[in-house]
Amino acid sequence: MMFFPENGTIEMSAHRDSLRNVVISGTPQNDMFSDFIEGSKLIGEKVQSIQQDYQKAAMAKDTATVKALQDEIKEIQEEGKDYEINFTKTNPNAVISAMIINRILMNKILTE
């Protein structure tokens, strides 16, 4: 659970049995962070939906399906990179944007 302590009323919404899915809002930085997390979750869900099919194909030694699914996963990973870059461009004052840029630079993800 990450949040940004800033002036304003910070609201937290969570279930006792699922603190992983806590939603923090009410201030600009926390709202932008929540928006980023929601967009990232959608991309992660796309990858997860393919991984089970990938595992089945790999166990069945279905190389054509494995290759097709690998290509699909790579496309989704590119979508994730594009999402992060576009997020930083549209939210240049967000603390999470600086964190994203730092991670990109540290991991040399961006090749442009």
N, C-alpha and C. Protein backbone atom coordinates (compact mmCIF):
# COMPACT_ATOMS: atom_id res chain seq x y z
N MET A 1 0.85 -1.17 0.00
CA MET A 1 0.00 0.00 0.00
C MET A 1 0.90 1.23 0.00
N MET A 2 0.72 2.03 -1.03
CA MET A 2 1.52 3.24 -1.14
C MET A 2 0.57 4.43 -1.23
N PHE A 3 0.95 5.51 -0.56
CA PHE A 3 0.18 6.74 -0.69
C PHE A 3 1.12 7.92 -0.51
N PHE A 4 0.62 9.07 -0.91
CA PHE A 4 1.42 10.29 -0.85
C PHE A 4 0.83 11.20 0.22
N PRO A 5 1.58 11.44 1.29
CA PRO A 5 1.08 12.35 2.33
C PRO A 5 1.17 13.78 1.82
N GLU A 6 0.03 14.38 1.66
CA GLU A 6 -0.01 15.77 1.20
C GLU A 6 -1.19 16.46 1.85
N ASN A 7 -1.20 17.77 1.79
CA ASN A 7 -2.29 18.53 2.39
C ASN A 7 -3.61 18.17 1.75
N GLY A 8 -4.61 18.00 2.57
CA GLY A 8 -5.94 17.66 2.08
C GLY A 8 -6.48 16.47 2.85
N THR A 9 -7.66 16.06 2.49
CA THR A 9 -8.30 14.92 3.13
C THR A 9 -8.02 13.68 2.30
N ILE A 10 -7.26 12.78 2.87
CA ILE A 10 -6.92 11.53 2.19
C ILE A 10 -7.92 10.47 2.64
N GLU A 11 -8.55 9.84 1.66
CA GLU A 11 -9.54 8.81 1.95
C GLU A 11 -8.98 7.45 1.58
N MET A 12 -9.25 6.46 2.42
CA MET A 12 -8.82 5.09 2.17
C MET A 12 -10.04 4.19 2.17
N SER A 13 -10.07 3.32 1.19
CA SER A 13 -11.15 2.34 1.10
C SER A 13 -10.51 0.97 0.95
N ALA A 14 -10.84 0.07 1.89
CA ALA A 14 -10.22 -1.26 1.85
C ALA A 14 -11.12 -2.26 2.56
N HIS A 15 -10.85 -3.52 2.26
CA HIS A 15 -11.49 -4.62 2.97
C HIS A 15 -10.44 -5.26 3.86
N ARG A 16 -10.82 -5.68 5.03
CA ARG A 16 -9.87 -6.28 5.97
C ARG A 16 -9.10 -7.44 5.37
N ASP A 17 -9.76 -8.23 4.56
CA ASP A 17 -9.12 -9.42 4.01
C ASP A 17 -8.40 -9.15 2.69
N SER A 18 -8.38 -7.89 2.25
CA SER A 18 -7.75 -7.59 0.97
C SER A 18 -7.11 -6.21 0.98
N LEU A 19 -6.12 -6.03 1.84
CA LEU A 19 -5.44 -4.73 1.90
C LEU A 19 -4.64 -4.43 0.64
N ARG A 20 -4.41 -5.47 -0.14
CA ARG A 20 -3.71 -5.28 -1.40
C ARG A 20 -4.49 -4.40 -2.36
N ASN A 21 -5.79 -4.41 -2.23
CA ASN A 21 -6.65 -3.67 -3.15
C ASN A 21 -7.18 -2.37 -2.56
N VAL A 22 -6.45 -1.81 -1.62
CA VAL A 22 -6.85 -0.56 -1.00
C VAL A 22 -6.87 0.55 -2.05
N VAL A 23 -7.85 1.43 -1.95
CA VAL A 23 -7.95 2.58 -2.85
C VAL A 23 -7.76 3.83 -2.00
N ILE A 24 -6.81 4.64 -2.39
CA ILE A 24 -6.51 5.88 -1.66
C ILE A 24 -6.78 7.04 -2.60
N SER A 25 -7.55 8.00 -2.12
CA SER A 25 -7.92 9.13 -2.97
C SER A 25 -8.14 10.37 -2.11
N GLY A 26 -8.54 11.44 -2.77
CA GLY A 26 -8.89 12.66 -2.06
C GLY A 26 -7.93 13.81 -2.22
N THR A 27 -6.72 13.50 -2.69
CA THR A 27 -5.74 14.56 -2.95
C THR A 27 -5.18 14.35 -4.35
N PRO A 28 -4.65 15.38 -4.98
CA PRO A 28 -4.21 15.25 -6.37
C PRO A 28 -3.21 14.12 -6.63
N GLN A 29 -2.17 14.02 -5.82
CA GLN A 29 -1.16 12.98 -6.05
C GLN A 29 -1.73 11.58 -5.87
N ASN A 30 -2.55 11.41 -4.85
CA ASN A 30 -3.15 10.10 -4.60
C ASN A 30 -4.17 9.73 -5.67
N ASP A 31 -4.90 10.71 -6.17
CA ASP A 31 -5.85 10.45 -7.25
C ASP A 31 -5.12 10.04 -8.53
N MET A 32 -4.03 10.74 -8.85
CA MET A 32 -3.25 10.38 -10.04
C MET A 32 -2.64 8.99 -9.89
N PHE A 33 -2.16 8.69 -8.70
CA PHE A 33 -1.58 7.37 -8.46
C PHE A 33 -2.64 6.28 -8.62
N SER A 34 -3.83 6.51 -8.09
CA SER A 34 -4.91 5.54 -8.22
C SER A 34 -5.29 5.34 -9.69
N ASP A 35 -5.33 6.43 -10.45
CA ASP A 35 -5.62 6.33 -11.88
C ASP A 35 -4.56 5.48 -12.58
N PHE A 36 -3.31 5.72 -12.24
CA PHE A 36 -2.22 4.95 -12.85
C PHE A 36 -2.35 3.47 -12.51
N ILE A 37 -2.62 3.16 -11.27
CA ILE A 37 -2.75 1.77 -10.82
C ILE A 37 -3.89 1.08 -11.56
N GLU A 38 -5.01 1.75 -11.70
CA GLU A 38 -6.16 1.15 -12.39
C GLU A 38 -5.81 0.81 -13.84
N GLY A 39 -5.15 1.73 -14.54
CA GLY A 39 -4.74 1.46 -15.91
C GLY A 39 -3.74 0.32 -16.00
N SER A 40 -2.83 0.27 -15.05
CA SER A 40 -1.82 -0.81 -15.01
C SER A 40 -2.48 -2.16 -14.75
N LYS A 41 -3.48 -2.18 -13.89
CA LYS A 41 -4.18 -3.44 -13.58
C LYS A 41 -4.82 -4.02 -14.83
N LEU A 42 -5.40 -3.17 -15.66
CA LEU A 42 -6.05 -3.65 -16.88
C LEU A 42 -5.06 -4.33 -17.80
N ILE A 43 -3.88 -3.77 -17.90
CA ILE A 43 -2.84 -4.37 -18.74
C ILE A 43 -2.37 -5.68 -18.12
N GLY A 44 -2.18 -5.71 -16.82
CA GLY A 44 -1.78 -6.93 -16.14
C GLY A 44 -2.80 -8.04 -16.29
N GLU A 45 -4.06 -7.69 -16.26
CA GLU A 45 -5.12 -8.68 -16.43
C GLU A 45 -5.08 -9.30 -17.82
N LYS A 46 -4.72 -8.51 -18.82
CA LYS A 46 -4.61 -9.05 -20.18
C LYS A 46 -3.52 -10.13 -20.24
N VAL A 47 -2.38 -9.85 -19.62
CA VAL A 47 -1.28 -10.82 -19.61
C VAL A 47 -1.71 -12.07 -18.85
N GLN A 48 -2.33 -11.91 -17.70
CA GLN A 48 -2.75 -13.06 -16.90
C GLN A 48 -3.73 -13.94 -17.66
N SER A 49 -4.60 -13.33 -18.46
CA SER A 49 -5.58 -14.13 -19.20
C SER A 49 -4.91 -15.01 -20.25
N ILE A 50 -3.76 -14.61 -20.72
CA ILE A 50 -3.03 -15.37 -21.74
C ILE A 50 -2.12 -16.42 -21.11
N GLN A 51 -1.60 -16.16 -19.92
CA GLN A 51 -0.60 -17.04 -19.32
C GLN A 51 -1.08 -18.48 -19.12
N GLN A 52 -2.34 -18.66 -18.77
CA GLN A 52 -2.84 -20.02 -18.58
C GLN A 52 -2.85 -20.77 -19.91
N ASP A 53 -3.27 -20.11 -20.98
CA ASP A 53 -3.24 -20.74 -22.30
C ASP A 53 -1.81 -21.03 -22.73
N TYR A 54 -0.91 -20.11 -22.39
CA TYR A 54 0.50 -20.30 -22.72
C TYR A 54 1.05 -21.55 -22.02
N GLN A 55 0.75 -21.70 -20.74
CA GLN A 55 1.24 -22.86 -19.98
C GLN A 55 0.71 -24.16 -20.56
N LYS A 56 -0.58 -24.16 -20.92
CA LYS A 56 -1.17 -25.37 -21.51
C LYS A 56 -0.49 -25.71 -22.83
N ALA A 57 -0.27 -24.71 -23.66
CA ALA A 57 0.37 -24.93 -24.96
C ALA A 57 1.81 -25.41 -24.78
N ALA A 58 2.51 -24.84 -23.81
CA ALA A 58 3.89 -25.25 -23.56
C ALA A 58 3.95 -26.69 -23.09
N MET A 59 3.05 -27.07 -22.21
CA MET A 59 3.04 -28.45 -21.71
C MET A 59 2.67 -29.43 -22.82
N ALA A 60 1.83 -28.99 -23.75
CA ALA A 60 1.42 -29.85 -24.87
C ALA A 60 2.44 -29.81 -26.01
N LYS A 61 3.49 -28.99 -25.82
CA LYS A 61 4.54 -28.81 -26.84
C LYS A 61 3.96 -28.32 -28.18
N ASP A 62 2.97 -27.45 -28.05
CA ASP A 62 2.33 -26.83 -29.22
C ASP A 62 3.10 -25.55 -29.54
N THR A 63 4.17 -25.71 -30.30
CA THR A 63 5.09 -24.59 -30.54
C THR A 63 4.46 -23.44 -31.30
N ALA A 64 3.54 -23.74 -32.19
CA ALA A 64 2.89 -22.66 -32.95
C ALA A 64 2.05 -21.78 -32.02
N THR A 65 1.31 -22.40 -31.13
CA THR A 65 0.49 -21.64 -30.18
C THR A 65 1.38 -20.90 -29.19
N VAL A 66 2.44 -21.55 -28.73
CA VAL A 66 3.37 -20.90 -27.80
C VAL A 66 3.93 -19.64 -28.44
N LYS A 67 4.37 -19.73 -29.68
CA LYS A 67 4.94 -18.59 -30.40
C LYS A 67 3.90 -17.47 -30.55
N ALA A 68 2.68 -17.84 -30.93
CA ALA A 68 1.62 -16.85 -31.10
C ALA A 68 1.31 -16.14 -29.78
N LEU A 69 1.27 -16.90 -28.71
CA LEU A 69 0.98 -16.31 -27.40
C LEU A 69 2.14 -15.45 -26.91
N GLN A 70 3.37 -15.87 -27.19
CA GLN A 70 4.54 -15.05 -26.84
C GLN A 70 4.47 -13.71 -27.56
N ASP A 71 4.11 -13.74 -28.83
CA ASP A 71 3.97 -12.50 -29.59
C ASP A 71 2.88 -11.62 -29.01
N GLU A 72 1.78 -12.24 -28.60
CA GLU A 72 0.68 -11.49 -28.01
C GLU A 72 1.10 -10.86 -26.68
N ILE A 73 1.84 -11.59 -25.88
CA ILE A 73 2.34 -11.06 -24.60
C ILE A 73 3.30 -9.90 -24.85
N LYS A 74 4.16 -10.03 -25.86
CA LYS A 74 5.08 -8.93 -26.18
C LYS A 74 4.31 -7.67 -26.58
N GLU A 75 3.23 -7.84 -27.33
CA GLU A 75 2.41 -6.70 -27.73
C GLU A 75 1.79 -6.02 -26.51
N ILE A 76 1.32 -6.82 -25.58
CA ILE A 76 0.72 -6.26 -24.35
C ILE A 76 1.80 -5.56 -23.52
N GLN A 77 3.00 -6.13 -23.47
CA GLN A 77 4.09 -5.48 -22.74
C GLN A 77 4.42 -4.12 -23.38
N GLU A 78 4.39 -4.06 -24.69
CA GLU A 78 4.61 -2.77 -25.38
C GLU A 78 3.49 -1.80 -25.05
N GLU A 79 2.27 -2.32 -24.99
CA GLU A 79 1.13 -1.49 -24.61
C GLU A 79 1.35 -0.92 -23.20
N GLY A 80 1.90 -1.74 -22.31
CA GLY A 80 2.19 -1.29 -20.96
C GLY A 80 3.24 -0.19 -20.95
N LYS A 81 4.29 -0.36 -21.74
CA LYS A 81 5.32 0.68 -21.82
C LYS A 81 4.73 1.98 -22.37
N ASP A 82 3.91 1.86 -23.42
CA ASP A 82 3.28 3.04 -24.01
C ASP A 82 2.36 3.72 -22.99
N TYR A 83 1.63 2.91 -22.23
CA TYR A 83 0.74 3.46 -21.21
C TYR A 83 1.53 4.28 -20.20
N GLU A 84 2.64 3.74 -19.74
CA GLU A 84 3.45 4.46 -18.75
C GLU A 84 4.02 5.75 -19.33
N ILE A 85 4.54 5.69 -20.54
CA ILE A 85 5.11 6.89 -21.15
C ILE A 85 4.03 7.95 -21.36
N ASN A 86 2.87 7.53 -21.87
CA ASN A 86 1.78 8.48 -22.08
C ASN A 86 1.27 9.05 -20.76
N PHE A 87 1.25 8.22 -19.72
CA PHE A 87 0.83 8.71 -18.41
C PHE A 87 1.76 9.82 -17.94
N THR A 88 3.06 9.62 -18.09
CA THR A 88 4.01 10.64 -17.63
C THR A 88 3.88 11.93 -18.45
N LYS A 89 3.53 11.79 -19.73
CA LYS A 89 3.36 12.97 -20.58
C LYS A 89 2.11 13.75 -20.21
N THR A 90 1.03 13.03 -19.89
CA THR A 90 -0.22 13.71 -19.56
C THR A 90 -0.31 14.12 -18.10
N ASN A 91 0.58 13.60 -17.27
CA ASN A 91 0.60 13.93 -15.83
C ASN A 91 2.02 14.30 -15.40
N PRO A 92 2.58 15.35 -15.99
CA PRO A 92 3.98 15.68 -15.70
C PRO A 92 4.24 16.11 -14.26
N ASN A 93 3.22 16.54 -13.55
CA ASN A 93 3.40 16.99 -12.16
C ASN A 93 3.12 15.89 -11.14
N ALA A 94 2.83 14.70 -11.61
CA ALA A 94 2.54 13.60 -10.69
C ALA A 94 3.84 13.00 -10.17
N VAL A 95 3.89 12.74 -8.89
CA VAL A 95 5.05 12.10 -8.29
C VAL A 95 5.27 10.73 -8.92
N ILE A 96 4.18 10.02 -9.20
CA ILE A 96 4.32 8.70 -9.81
C ILE A 96 4.96 8.80 -11.19
N SER A 97 4.77 9.91 -11.89
CA SER A 97 5.42 10.09 -13.20
C SER A 97 6.94 10.11 -13.04
N ALA A 98 7.42 10.81 -12.02
CA ALA A 98 8.87 10.84 -11.77
C ALA A 98 9.37 9.45 -11.42
N MET A 99 8.58 8.70 -10.67
CA MET A 99 8.98 7.35 -10.30
C MET A 99 9.02 6.43 -11.53
N ILE A 100 8.06 6.60 -12.42
CA ILE A 100 8.03 5.81 -13.66
C ILE A 100 9.24 6.13 -14.51
N ILE A 101 9.52 7.42 -14.68
CA ILE A 101 10.68 7.82 -15.49
C ILE A 101 11.96 7.28 -14.89
N ASN A 102 12.09 7.35 -13.59
CA ASN A 102 13.28 6.81 -12.92
C ASN A 102 13.43 5.31 -13.19
N ARG A 103 12.34 4.56 -13.08
CA ARG A 103 12.40 3.12 -13.32
C ARG A 103 12.76 2.83 -14.78
N ILE A 104 12.19 3.60 -15.70
CA ILE A 104 12.50 3.42 -17.11
C ILE A 104 13.99 3.64 -17.35
N LEU A 105 14.52 4.71 -16.79
CA LEU A 105 15.94 5.01 -16.98
C LEU A 105 16.84 3.97 -16.30
N MET A 106 16.45 3.54 -15.12
CA MET A 106 17.26 2.55 -14.40
C MET A 106 17.27 1.20 -15.12
N ASN A 107 16.14 0.85 -15.73
CA ASN A 107 16.04 -0.43 -16.42
C ASN A 107 16.32 -0.33 -17.91
N LYS A 108 16.58 0.88 -18.35
CA LYS A 108 16.86 1.12 -19.78
C LYS A 108 15.77 0.51 -20.66
N ILE A 109 14.52 0.72 -20.24
CA ILE A 109 13.38 0.19 -20.98
C ILE A 109 13.16 0.95 -22.27
N LEU A 110 13.34 2.25 -22.22
CA LEU A 110 13.08 3.10 -23.37
C LEU A 110 14.29 3.06 -24.29
N THR A 111 14.04 2.80 -25.56
CA THR A 111 15.15 2.69 -26.52
C THR A 111 15.19 3.86 -27.50
N GLU A 112 14.30 4.82 -27.34
CA GLU A 112 14.26 5.96 -28.26
C GLU A 112 15.38 6.92 -27.98
